């Protein structure tokens, strides 16, 4: 049975930099020192609004907790 891939989507421009995603999902999110917003690790811009990245099942729960805790609701797993 193969490894299932999960897509994480982050609407980065709407990030307020609270850091909850970094606290709950340090393997998927890091704070950007230049603008104080969260960056999705290994993320690729899709259009002008969204950054997406693939995650394995091991990081699913971590990124799901980050999405649930985001006060702006800008993370989707």
PDB file of N, CA and C in Angstrom:
ATOM      1  N   UNK A   1       0.847  -1.181   0.000  1.00  0.00           N
ATOM      2  CA  UNK A   1       0.000   0.000   0.000  1.00  0.00           C
ATOM      3  C   UNK A   1       0.888   1.238   0.000  1.00  0.00           C
ATOM      4  N   UNK A   2       0.620   2.173  -0.904  1.00  0.00           N
ATOM      5  CA  UNK A   2       1.446   3.361  -1.044  1.00  0.00           C
ATOM      6  C   UNK A   2       1.170   4.403   0.023  1.00  0.00           C
ATOM      7  N   UNK A   3       2.072   5.376   0.078  1.00  0.00           N
ATOM      8  CA  UNK A   3       1.936   6.465   1.042  1.00  0.00           C
ATOM      9  C   UNK A   3       0.964   7.491   0.476  1.00  0.00           C
ATOM     10  N   UNK A   4      -0.042   7.822   1.238  1.00  0.00           N
ATOM     11  CA  UNK A   4      -1.036   8.805   0.813  1.00  0.00           C
ATOM     12  C   UNK A   4      -0.460  10.205   0.982  1.00  0.00           C
ATOM     13  N   UNK A   5      -0.650  11.055  -0.029  1.00  0.00           N
ATOM     14  CA  UNK A   5      -0.179  12.431   0.037  1.00  0.00           C
ATOM     15  C   UNK A   5      -1.347  13.363   0.330  1.00  0.00           C
ATOM     16  N   UNK A   6      -1.091  14.300   1.186  1.00  0.00           N
ATOM     17  CA  UNK A   6      -2.091  15.286   1.603  1.00  0.00           C
ATOM     18  C   UNK A   6      -1.625  16.645   1.113  1.00  0.00           C
ATOM     19  N   UNK A   7      -2.553  17.472   0.671  1.00  0.00           N
ATOM     20  CA  UNK A   7      -2.215  18.819   0.230  1.00  0.00           C
ATOM     21  C   UNK A   7      -2.601  19.819   1.309  1.00  0.00           C
ATOM     22  N   UNK A   8      -1.671  20.687   1.641  1.00  0.00           N
ATOM     23  CA  UNK A   8      -1.916  21.784   2.578  1.00  0.00           C
ATOM     24  C   UNK A   8      -1.991  23.054   1.744  1.00  0.00           C
ATOM     25  N   UNK A   9      -3.010  23.856   1.990  1.00  0.00           N
ATOM     26  CA  UNK A   9      -3.209  25.111   1.261  1.00  0.00           C
ATOM     27  C   UNK A   9      -3.240  26.257   2.278  1.00  0.00           C
ATOM     28  N   UNK A  10      -2.449  27.293   2.008  1.00  0.00           N
ATOM     29  CA  UNK A  10      -2.311  28.423   2.930  1.00  0.00           C
ATOM     30  C   UNK A  10      -2.549  29.718   2.164  1.00  0.00           C
ATOM     31  N   UNK A  11      -3.512  30.498   2.585  1.00  0.00           N
ATOM     32  CA  UNK A  11      -3.789  31.800   1.962  1.00  0.00           C
ATOM     33  C   UNK A  11      -2.907  32.835   2.668  1.00  0.00           C
ATOM     34  N   UNK A  12      -1.624  32.817   2.309  1.00  0.00           N
ATOM     35  CA  UNK A  12      -0.587  33.523   3.043  1.00  0.00           C
ATOM     36  C   UNK A  12      -0.827  35.026   3.169  1.00  0.00           C
ATOM     37  N   UNK A  13      -1.318  35.675   2.160  1.00  0.00           N
ATOM     38  CA  UNK A  13      -1.489  37.135   2.196  1.00  0.00           C
ATOM     39  C   UNK A  13      -2.429  37.582   3.311  1.00  0.00           C
ATOM     40  N   UNK A  14      -3.324  36.689   3.749  1.00  0.00           N
ATOM     41  CA  UNK A  14      -4.270  37.024   4.813  1.00  0.00           C
ATOM     42  C   UNK A  14      -3.770  36.656   6.206  1.00  0.00           C
ATOM     43  N   UNK A  15      -2.543  36.130   6.291  1.00  0.00           N
ATOM     44  CA  UNK A  15      -1.961  35.735   7.573  1.00  0.00           C
ATOM     45  C   UNK A  15      -1.748  36.971   8.454  1.00  0.00           C
ATOM     46  N   UNK A  16      -2.083  36.840   9.752  1.00  0.00           N
ATOM     47  CA  UNK A  16      -1.873  37.946  10.697  1.00  0.00           C
ATOM     48  C   UNK A  16      -0.648  37.717  11.575  1.00  0.00           C
ATOM     49  N   UNK A  17       0.043  36.593  11.368  1.00  0.00           N
ATOM     50  CA  UNK A  17       1.284  36.326  12.093  1.00  0.00           C
ATOM     51  C   UNK A  17       1.115  35.954  13.550  1.00  0.00           C
ATOM     52  N   UNK A  18       0.002  35.331  13.913  1.00  0.00           N
ATOM     53  CA  UNK A  18      -0.218  34.976  15.320  1.00  0.00           C
ATOM     54  C   UNK A  18       0.700  33.849  15.785  1.00  0.00           C
ATOM     55  N   UNK A  19       1.147  32.999  14.862  1.00  0.00           N
ATOM     56  CA  UNK A  19       2.083  31.936  15.187  1.00  0.00           C
ATOM     57  C   UNK A  19       1.484  30.631  15.660  1.00  0.00           C
ATOM     58  N   UNK A  20       0.163  30.528  15.703  1.00  0.00           N
ATOM     59  CA  UNK A  20      -0.446  29.283  16.185  1.00  0.00           C
ATOM     60  C   UNK A  20      -0.095  28.104  15.279  1.00  0.00           C
ATOM     61  N   UNK A  21      -0.014  28.322  13.981  1.00  0.00           N
ATOM     62  CA  UNK A  21       0.320  27.233  13.058  1.00  0.00           C
ATOM     63  C   UNK A  21       1.751  26.748  13.282  1.00  0.00           C
ATOM     64  N   UNK A  22       2.656  27.672  13.549  1.00  0.00           N
ATOM     65  CA  UNK A  22       4.057  27.312  13.792  1.00  0.00           C
ATOM     66  C   UNK A  22       4.179  26.538  15.104  1.00  0.00           C
ATOM     67  N   UNK A  23       3.454  26.942  16.106  1.00  0.00           N
ATOM     68  CA  UNK A  23       3.482  26.261  17.397  1.00  0.00           C
ATOM     69  C   UNK A  23       2.948  24.829  17.287  1.00  0.00           C
ATOM     70  N   UNK A  24       1.847  24.661  16.567  1.00  0.00           N
ATOM     71  CA  UNK A  24       1.198  23.356  16.473  1.00  0.00           C
ATOM     72  C   UNK A  24       1.733  22.475  15.348  1.00  0.00           C
ATOM     73  N   UNK A  25       2.368  23.087  14.361  1.00  0.00           N
ATOM     74  CA  UNK A  25       2.852  22.342  13.204  1.00  0.00           C
ATOM     75  C   UNK A  25       4.214  22.854  12.751  1.00  0.00           C
ATOM     76  N   UNK A  26       5.240  22.685  13.585  1.00  0.00           N
ATOM     77  CA  UNK A  26       6.560  23.229  13.257  1.00  0.00           C
ATOM     78  C   UNK A  26       7.242  22.553  12.071  1.00  0.00           C
ATOM     79  N   UNK A  27       6.767  21.380  11.663  1.00  0.00           N
ATOM     80  CA  UNK A  27       7.336  20.731  10.486  1.00  0.00           C
ATOM     81  C   UNK A  27       6.719  21.274   9.195  1.00  0.00           C
ATOM     82  N   UNK A  28       5.601  21.969   9.305  1.00  0.00           N
ATOM     83  CA  UNK A  28       4.902  22.472   8.121  1.00  0.00           C
ATOM     84  C   UNK A  28       4.930  23.990   7.995  1.00  0.00           C
ATOM     85  N   UNK A  29       5.087  24.703   9.116  1.00  0.00           N
ATOM     86  CA  UNK A  29       5.054  26.166   9.083  1.00  0.00           C
ATOM     87  C   UNK A  29       6.230  26.771   9.837  1.00  0.00           C
ATOM     88  N   UNK A  30       6.753  27.877   9.314  1.00  0.00           N
ATOM     89  CA  UNK A  30       7.802  28.662   9.979  1.00  0.00           C
ATOM     90  C   UNK A  30       7.432  30.135   9.853  1.00  0.00           C
ATOM     91  N   UNK A  31       7.875  30.924  10.826  1.00  0.00           N
ATOM     92  CA  UNK A  31       7.608  32.361  10.757  1.00  0.00           C
ATOM     93  C   UNK A  31       8.643  33.028   9.844  1.00  0.00           C
ATOM     94  N   UNK A  32       8.175  33.929   9.012  1.00  0.00           N
ATOM     95  CA  UNK A  32       9.037  34.687   8.122  1.00  0.00           C
ATOM     96  C   UNK A  32       9.575  35.891   8.880  1.00  0.00           C
ATOM     97  N   UNK A  33      10.871  36.021   8.966  1.00  0.00           N
ATOM     98  CA  UNK A  33      11.490  37.117   9.730  1.00  0.00           C
ATOM     99  C   UNK A  33      11.322  38.472   9.054  1.00  0.00           C
ATOM    100  N   UNK A  34      11.075  38.482   7.766  1.00  0.00           N
ATOM    101  CA  UNK A  34      10.945  39.754   7.046  1.00  0.00           C
ATOM    102  C   UNK A  34       9.601  40.434   7.262  1.00  0.00           C
ATOM    103  N   UNK A  35       8.510  39.656   7.208  1.00  0.00           N
ATOM    104  CA  UNK A  35       7.195  40.286   7.326  1.00  0.00           C
ATOM    105  C   UNK A  35       6.351  39.769   8.492  1.00  0.00           C
ATOM    106  N   UNK A  36       6.876  38.799   9.262  1.00  0.00           N
ATOM    107  CA  UNK A  36       6.161  38.313  10.438  1.00  0.00           C
ATOM    108  C   UNK A  36       4.981  37.405  10.150  1.00  0.00           C
ATOM    109  N   UNK A  37       4.845  36.954   8.907  1.00  0.00           N
ATOM    110  CA  UNK A  37       3.766  36.030   8.550  1.00  0.00           C
ATOM    111  C   UNK A  37       4.315  34.611   8.497  1.00  0.00           C
ATOM    112  N   UNK A  38       3.423  33.647   8.544  1.00  0.00           N
ATOM    113  CA  UNK A  38       3.827  32.246   8.475  1.00  0.00           C
ATOM    114  C   UNK A  38       4.091  31.836   7.036  1.00  0.00           C
ATOM    115  N   UNK A  39       5.123  31.022   6.869  1.00  0.00           N
ATOM    116  CA  UNK A  39       5.431  30.429   5.565  1.00  0.00           C
ATOM    117  C   UNK A  39       5.188  28.930   5.644  1.00  0.00           C
ATOM    118  N   UNK A  40       4.616  28.388   4.592  1.00  0.00           N
ATOM    119  CA  UNK A  40       4.391  26.954   4.484  1.00  0.00           C
ATOM    120  C   UNK A  40       5.681  26.321   3.967  1.00  0.00           C
ATOM    121  N   UNK A  41       6.245  25.411   4.746  1.00  0.00           N
ATOM    122  CA  UNK A  41       7.504  24.763   4.372  1.00  0.00           C
ATOM    123  C   UNK A  41       7.332  24.023   3.047  1.00  0.00           C
ATOM    124  N   UNK A  42       8.253  24.232   2.132  1.00  0.00           N
ATOM    125  CA  UNK A  42       8.236  23.631   0.790  1.00  0.00           C
ATOM    126  C   UNK A  42       7.005  24.048  -0.014  1.00  0.00           C
ATOM    127  N   UNK A  43       6.405  25.165   0.363  1.00  0.00           N
ATOM    128  CA  UNK A  43       5.216  25.644  -0.336  1.00  0.00           C
ATOM    129  C   UNK A  43       5.544  26.280  -1.671  1.00  0.00           C
ATOM    130  N   UNK A  44       4.600  26.174  -2.599  1.00  0.00           N
ATOM    131  CA  UNK A  44       4.713  26.742  -3.936  1.00  0.00           C
ATOM    132  C   UNK A  44       3.487  27.623  -4.169  1.00  0.00           C
ATOM    133  N   UNK A  45       3.723  28.831  -4.654  1.00  0.00           N
ATOM    134  CA  UNK A  45       2.612  29.736  -4.943  1.00  0.00           C
ATOM    135  C   UNK A  45       1.762  29.192  -6.075  1.00  0.00           C
ATOM    136  N   UNK A  46       0.457  29.212  -5.876  1.00  0.00           N
ATOM    137  CA  UNK A  46      -0.528  28.871  -6.904  1.00  0.00           C
ATOM    138  C   UNK A  46      -1.369  30.116  -7.114  1.00  0.00           C
ATOM    139  N   UNK A  47      -1.073  30.845  -8.143  1.00  0.00           N
ATOM    140  CA  UNK A  47      -1.741  32.118  -8.362  1.00  0.00           C
ATOM    141  C   UNK A  47      -1.166  33.165  -7.422  1.00  0.00           C
ATOM    142  N   UNK A  48      -1.962  34.173  -7.115  1.00  0.00           N
ATOM    143  CA  UNK A  48      -1.505  35.278  -6.276  1.00  0.00           C
ATOM    144  C   UNK A  48      -1.922  35.153  -4.815  1.00  0.00           C
ATOM    145  N   UNK A  49      -2.786  34.193  -4.500  1.00  0.00           N
ATOM    146  CA  UNK A  49      -3.327  34.110  -3.144  1.00  0.00           C
ATOM    147  C   UNK A  49      -2.879  32.906  -2.335  1.00  0.00           C
ATOM    148  N   UNK A  50      -2.661  31.772  -2.982  1.00  0.00           N
ATOM    149  CA  UNK A  50      -2.470  30.535  -2.247  1.00  0.00           C
ATOM    150  C   UNK A  50      -1.076  29.944  -2.392  1.00  0.00           C
ATOM    151  N   UNK A  51      -0.593  29.378  -1.283  1.00  0.00           N
ATOM    152  CA  UNK A  51       0.638  28.602  -1.271  1.00  0.00           C
ATOM    153  C   UNK A  51       0.229  27.179  -0.921  1.00  0.00           C
ATOM    154  N   UNK A  52       0.712  26.210  -1.693  1.00  0.00           N
ATOM    155  CA  UNK A  52       0.353  24.810  -1.444  1.00  0.00           C
ATOM    156  C   UNK A  52       1.605  23.968  -1.277  1.00  0.00           C
ATOM    157  N   UNK A  53       1.463  22.884  -0.527  1.00  0.00           N
ATOM    158  CA  UNK A  53       2.554  21.928  -0.324  1.00  0.00           C
ATOM    159  C   UNK A  53       1.954  20.558  -0.077  1.00  0.00           C
ATOM    160  N   UNK A  54       2.714  19.546  -0.416  1.00  0.00           N
ATOM    161  CA  UNK A  54       2.317  18.166  -0.141  1.00  0.00           C
ATOM    162  C   UNK A  54       2.860  17.762   1.222  1.00  0.00           C
ATOM    163  N   UNK A  55       2.110  16.949   1.924  1.00  0.00           N
ATOM    164  CA  UNK A  55       2.542  16.427   3.227  1.00  0.00           C
ATOM    165  C   UNK A  55       2.181  14.957   3.279  1.00  0.00           C
ATOM    166  N   UNK A  56       2.981  14.182   3.989  1.00  0.00           N
ATOM    167  CA  UNK A  56       2.658  12.771   4.143  1.00  0.00           C
ATOM    168  C   UNK A  56       1.686  12.597   5.312  1.00  0.00           C
ATOM    169  N   UNK A  57       1.252  11.372   5.505  1.00  0.00           N
ATOM    170  CA  UNK A  57       0.269  11.091   6.560  1.00  0.00           C
ATOM    171  C   UNK A  57       0.793  11.438   7.949  1.00  0.00           C
ATOM    172  N   UNK A  58       2.102  11.327   8.148  1.00  0.00           N
ATOM    173  CA  UNK A  58       2.687  11.625   9.451  1.00  0.00           C
ATOM    174  C   UNK A  58       2.453  13.089   9.850  1.00  0.00           C
ATOM    175  N   UNK A  59       2.421  13.965   8.868  1.00  0.00           N
ATOM    176  CA  UNK A  59       2.231  15.388   9.157  1.00  0.00           C
ATOM    177  C   UNK A  59       0.780  15.830   9.036  1.00  0.00           C
ATOM    178  N   UNK A  60      -0.093  14.900   8.690  1.00  0.00           N
ATOM    179  CA  UNK A  60      -1.502  15.248   8.519  1.00  0.00           C
ATOM    180  C   UNK A  60      -2.110  15.830   9.788  1.00  0.00           C
ATOM    181  N   UNK A  61      -1.981  15.113  10.906  1.00  0.00           N
ATOM    182  CA  UNK A  61      -2.596  15.581  12.156  1.00  0.00           C
ATOM    183  C   UNK A  61      -2.004  16.910  12.601  1.00  0.00           C
ATOM    184  N   UNK A  62      -0.699  17.041  12.466  1.00  0.00           N
ATOM    185  CA  UNK A  62      -0.031  18.282  12.847  1.00  0.00           C
ATOM    186  C   UNK A  62      -0.587  19.466  12.048  1.00  0.00           C
ATOM    187  N   UNK A  63      -0.689  19.300  10.742  1.00  0.00           N
ATOM    188  CA  UNK A  63      -1.191  20.390   9.906  1.00  0.00           C
ATOM    189  C   UNK A  63      -2.691  20.609  10.109  1.00  0.00           C
ATOM    190  N   UNK A  64      -3.419  19.547  10.426  1.00  0.00           N
ATOM    191  CA  UNK A  64      -4.859  19.668  10.703  1.00  0.00           C
ATOM    192  C   UNK A  64      -5.084  20.489  11.978  1.00  0.00           C
ATOM    193  N   UNK A  65      -4.260  20.258  13.002  1.00  0.00           N
ATOM    194  CA  UNK A  65      -4.357  21.045  14.234  1.00  0.00           C
ATOM    195  C   UNK A  65      -4.073  22.522  13.954  1.00  0.00           C
ATOM    196  N   UNK A  66      -3.094  22.776  13.099  1.00  0.00           N
ATOM    197  CA  UNK A  66      -2.767  24.154  12.731  1.00  0.00           C
ATOM    198  C   UNK A  66      -3.948  24.809  12.020  1.00  0.00           C
ATOM    199  N   UNK A  67      -4.564  24.083  11.120  1.00  0.00           N
ATOM    200  CA  UNK A  67      -5.720  24.622  10.385  1.00  0.00           C
ATOM    201  C   UNK A  67      -6.872  24.923  11.346  1.00  0.00           C
ATOM    202  N   UNK A  68      -7.117  24.019  12.274  1.00  0.00           N
ATOM    203  CA  UNK A  68      -8.204  24.212  13.241  1.00  0.00           C
ATOM    204  C   UNK A  68      -7.958  25.401  14.159  1.00  0.00           C
ATOM    205  N   UNK A  69      -6.683  25.671  14.463  1.00  0.00           N
ATOM    206  CA  UNK A  69      -6.349  26.747  15.396  1.00  0.00           C
ATOM    207  C   UNK A  69      -6.196  28.119  14.741  1.00  0.00           C
ATOM    208  N   UNK A  70      -6.075  28.168  13.438  1.00  0.00           N
ATOM    209  CA  UNK A  70      -5.849  29.435  12.744  1.00  0.00           C
ATOM    210  C   UNK A  70      -7.043  30.371  12.931  1.00  0.00           C
ATOM    211  N   UNK A  71      -6.838  31.537  13.560  1.00  0.00           N
ATOM    212  CA  UNK A  71      -7.955  32.442  13.800  1.00  0.00           C
ATOM    213  C   UNK A  71      -8.514  33.073  12.516  1.00  0.00           C
ATOM    214  N   UNK A  72      -7.734  33.062  11.460  1.00  0.00           N
ATOM    215  CA  UNK A  72      -8.187  33.629  10.189  1.00  0.00           C
ATOM    216  C   UNK A  72      -8.841  32.584   9.288  1.00  0.00           C
ATOM    217  N   UNK A  73      -8.689  31.301   9.614  1.00  0.00           N
ATOM    218  CA  UNK A  73      -9.277  30.241   8.798  1.00  0.00           C
ATOM    219  C   UNK A  73      -8.666  30.163   7.411  1.00  0.00           C
ATOM    220  N   UNK A  74      -7.366  30.400   7.305  1.00  0.00           N
ATOM    221  CA  UNK A  74      -6.717  30.472   5.986  1.00  0.00           C
ATOM    222  C   UNK A  74      -5.867  29.254   5.664  1.00  0.00           C
ATOM    223  N   UNK A  75      -5.962  28.204   6.479  1.00  0.00           N
ATOM    224  CA  UNK A  75      -5.230  26.966   6.216  1.00  0.00           C
ATOM    225  C   UNK A  75      -6.242  25.867   5.960  1.00  0.00           C
ATOM    226  N   UNK A  76      -6.030  25.133   4.867  1.00  0.00           N
ATOM    227  CA  UNK A  76      -6.888  23.999   4.529  1.00  0.00           C
ATOM    228  C   UNK A  76      -5.997  22.782   4.338  1.00  0.00           C
ATOM    229  N   UNK A  77      -6.465  21.639   4.825  1.00  0.00           N
ATOM    230  CA  UNK A  77      -5.718  20.394   4.679  1.00  0.00           C
ATOM    231  C   UNK A  77      -6.584  19.403   3.931  1.00  0.00           C
TER     232      UNK A  77
END
